[in-house]
Amino acid sequence: MERVNEDGQIICEHCGRPILRKYDIIGHHKTELTAENVNDASIALNPDNIALIHFKCHNLIHDRFQGWERQRVFLVYG
């Protein structure tokens, strides 16, 4: 419940504004996933390592769409 405001809206942990559309929520790993730690459940699946942020904020954090560098994506199941 610490991720919501008094109106019950989820707050972006990056910009501090409410996330109004459910499809705009991204779970961002505070400790970035790498090939070395992706199978470490204490990093990949730890709720304390996840920040709920806007999709746009996630792109800003990772500097996406500012250039054409290809990003790595890890899918974590658990």
C-alpha atoms as a PDB file:
ATOM      1  CA  MET A   1       0.000   0.000   0.000  1.00  0.00           C
ATOM      2  CA  GLU A   2       3.018   2.316   0.211  1.00  0.00           C
ATOM      3  CA  ARG A   3       2.913   2.622  -3.585  1.00  0.00           C
ATOM      4  CA  VAL A   4      -0.494   4.340  -3.682  1.00  0.00           C
ATOM      5  CA  ASN A   5      -1.674   7.805  -2.677  1.00  0.00           C
ATOM      6  CA  GLU A   6      -4.685   8.692  -0.514  1.00  0.00           C
ATOM      7  CA  ASP A   7      -6.955   8.445  -3.596  1.00  0.00           C
ATOM      8  CA  GLY A   8      -5.843   4.859  -4.262  1.00  0.00           C
ATOM      9  CA  GLN A   9      -3.788   5.802  -7.328  1.00  0.00           C
ATOM     10  CA  ILE A  10      -0.448   4.103  -7.950  1.00  0.00           C
ATOM     11  CA  ILE A  11       2.359   6.663  -7.807  1.00  0.00           C
ATOM     12  CA  CYS A  12       5.290   6.537 -10.246  1.00  0.00           C
ATOM     13  CA  GLU A  13       8.433   6.015  -8.178  1.00  0.00           C
ATOM     14  CA  HIS A  14      10.454   7.978 -10.746  1.00  0.00           C
ATOM     15  CA  CYS A  15       8.474  11.185 -11.325  1.00  0.00           C
ATOM     16  CA  GLY A  16       6.033  11.059  -8.386  1.00  0.00           C
ATOM     17  CA  ARG A  17       2.896  11.530 -10.507  1.00  0.00           C
ATOM     18  CA  PRO A  18      -0.060   9.126 -10.466  1.00  0.00           C
ATOM     19  CA  ILE A  19      -0.133   6.342 -13.038  1.00  0.00           C
ATOM     20  CA  LEU A  20      -3.651   6.735 -14.399  1.00  0.00           C
ATOM     21  CA  ARG A  21      -3.763   3.979 -17.042  1.00  0.00           C
ATOM     22  CA  LYS A  22      -3.084   0.389 -15.991  1.00  0.00           C
ATOM     23  CA  TYR A  23      -1.323  -0.363 -19.274  1.00  0.00           C
ATOM     24  CA  ASP A  24       1.153   2.452 -18.510  1.00  0.00           C
ATOM     25  CA  ILE A  25       2.643   0.655 -15.456  1.00  0.00           C
ATOM     26  CA  ILE A  26       6.101  -0.881 -15.822  1.00  0.00           C
ATOM     27  CA  GLY A  27       7.883  -2.898 -13.159  1.00  0.00           C
ATOM     28  CA  HIS A  28      11.452  -1.524 -13.276  1.00  0.00           C
ATOM     29  CA  HIS A  29      14.292  -3.479 -11.650  1.00  0.00           C
ATOM     30  CA  LYS A  30      16.253  -1.092  -9.421  1.00  0.00           C
ATOM     31  CA  THR A  31      19.252  -3.419  -9.711  1.00  0.00           C
ATOM     32  CA  GLU A  32      19.500  -3.924 -13.459  1.00  0.00           C
ATOM     33  CA  LEU A  33      19.130  -7.480 -14.704  1.00  0.00           C
ATOM     34  CA  THR A  34      22.198  -8.880 -16.420  1.00  0.00           C
ATOM     35  CA  ALA A  35      23.129 -12.242 -17.864  1.00  0.00           C
ATOM     36  CA  GLU A  36      24.981 -12.922 -14.601  1.00  0.00           C
ATOM     37  CA  ASN A  37      22.117 -12.146 -12.170  1.00  0.00           C
ATOM     38  CA  VAL A  38      18.951 -12.927 -14.142  1.00  0.00           C
ATOM     39  CA  ASN A  39      18.619 -16.340 -12.469  1.00  0.00           C
ATOM     40  CA  ASP A  40      19.166 -14.917  -8.960  1.00  0.00           C
ATOM     41  CA  ALA A  41      15.676 -14.830  -7.429  1.00  0.00           C
ATOM     42  CA  SER A  42      16.781 -12.292  -4.794  1.00  0.00           C
ATOM     43  CA  ILE A  43      17.351  -9.800  -7.628  1.00  0.00           C
ATOM     44  CA  ALA A  44      15.025 -10.894 -10.437  1.00  0.00           C
ATOM     45  CA  LEU A  45      11.946 -11.730  -8.344  1.00  0.00           C
ATOM     46  CA  ASN A  46      12.427  -9.568  -5.245  1.00  0.00           C
ATOM     47  CA  PRO A  47       9.489  -7.120  -4.847  1.00  0.00           C
ATOM     48  CA  ASP A  48      11.797  -4.681  -3.026  1.00  0.00           C
ATOM     49  CA  ASN A  49      13.910  -4.505  -6.200  1.00  0.00           C
ATOM     50  CA  ILE A  50      10.920  -3.471  -8.343  1.00  0.00           C
ATOM     51  CA  ALA A  51       9.824   0.133  -8.815  1.00  0.00           C
ATOM     52  CA  LEU A  52       6.418   0.797 -10.380  1.00  0.00           C
ATOM     53  CA  ILE A  53       6.895   3.554 -12.935  1.00  0.00           C
ATOM     54  CA  HIS A  54       5.323   5.042 -16.076  1.00  0.00           C
ATOM     55  CA  PHE A  55       6.235   3.451 -19.404  1.00  0.00           C
ATOM     56  CA  LYS A  56       7.631   6.836 -20.508  1.00  0.00           C
ATOM     57  CA  CYS A  57       9.728   7.153 -17.338  1.00  0.00           C
ATOM     58  CA  HIS A  58      11.122   3.662 -17.962  1.00  0.00           C
ATOM     59  CA  ASN A  59      12.245   4.727 -21.416  1.00  0.00           C
ATOM     60  CA  LEU A  60      13.873   7.847 -19.944  1.00  0.00           C
ATOM     61  CA  ILE A  61      15.729   5.833 -17.285  1.00  0.00           C
ATOM     62  CA  HIS A  62      17.149   3.494 -19.918  1.00  0.00           C
ATOM     63  CA  ASP A  63      17.719   6.340 -22.411  1.00  0.00           C
ATOM     64  CA  ARG A  64      15.636   4.534 -25.010  1.00  0.00           C
ATOM     65  CA  PHE A  65      14.644   6.156 -28.260  1.00  0.00           C
ATOM     66  CA  GLN A  66      17.364   8.801 -27.866  1.00  0.00           C
ATOM     67  CA  GLY A  67      19.576   6.767 -30.184  1.00  0.00           C
ATOM     68  CA  TRP A  68      19.432   3.449 -31.958  1.00  0.00           C
ATOM     69  CA  GLU A  69      21.343   1.283 -29.490  1.00  0.00           C
ATOM     70  CA  ARG A  70      19.697  -2.105 -29.104  1.00  0.00           C
ATOM     71  CA  GLN A  71      18.604  -2.968 -25.560  1.00  0.00           C
ATOM     72  CA  ARG A  72      18.664  -6.385 -23.896  1.00  0.00           C
ATOM     73  CA  VAL A  73      15.414  -7.665 -22.425  1.00  0.00           C
ATOM     74  CA  PHE A  74      15.161 -10.489 -19.897  1.00  0.00           C
ATOM     75  CA  LEU A  75      11.839 -12.255 -19.336  1.00  0.00           C
ATOM     76  CA  VAL A  76      11.537 -13.521 -15.789  1.00  0.00           C
ATOM     77  CA  TYR A  77       9.012 -16.183 -14.831  1.00  0.00           C
ATOM     78  CA  GLY A  78       8.315 -17.171 -11.302  1.00  0.00           C
END
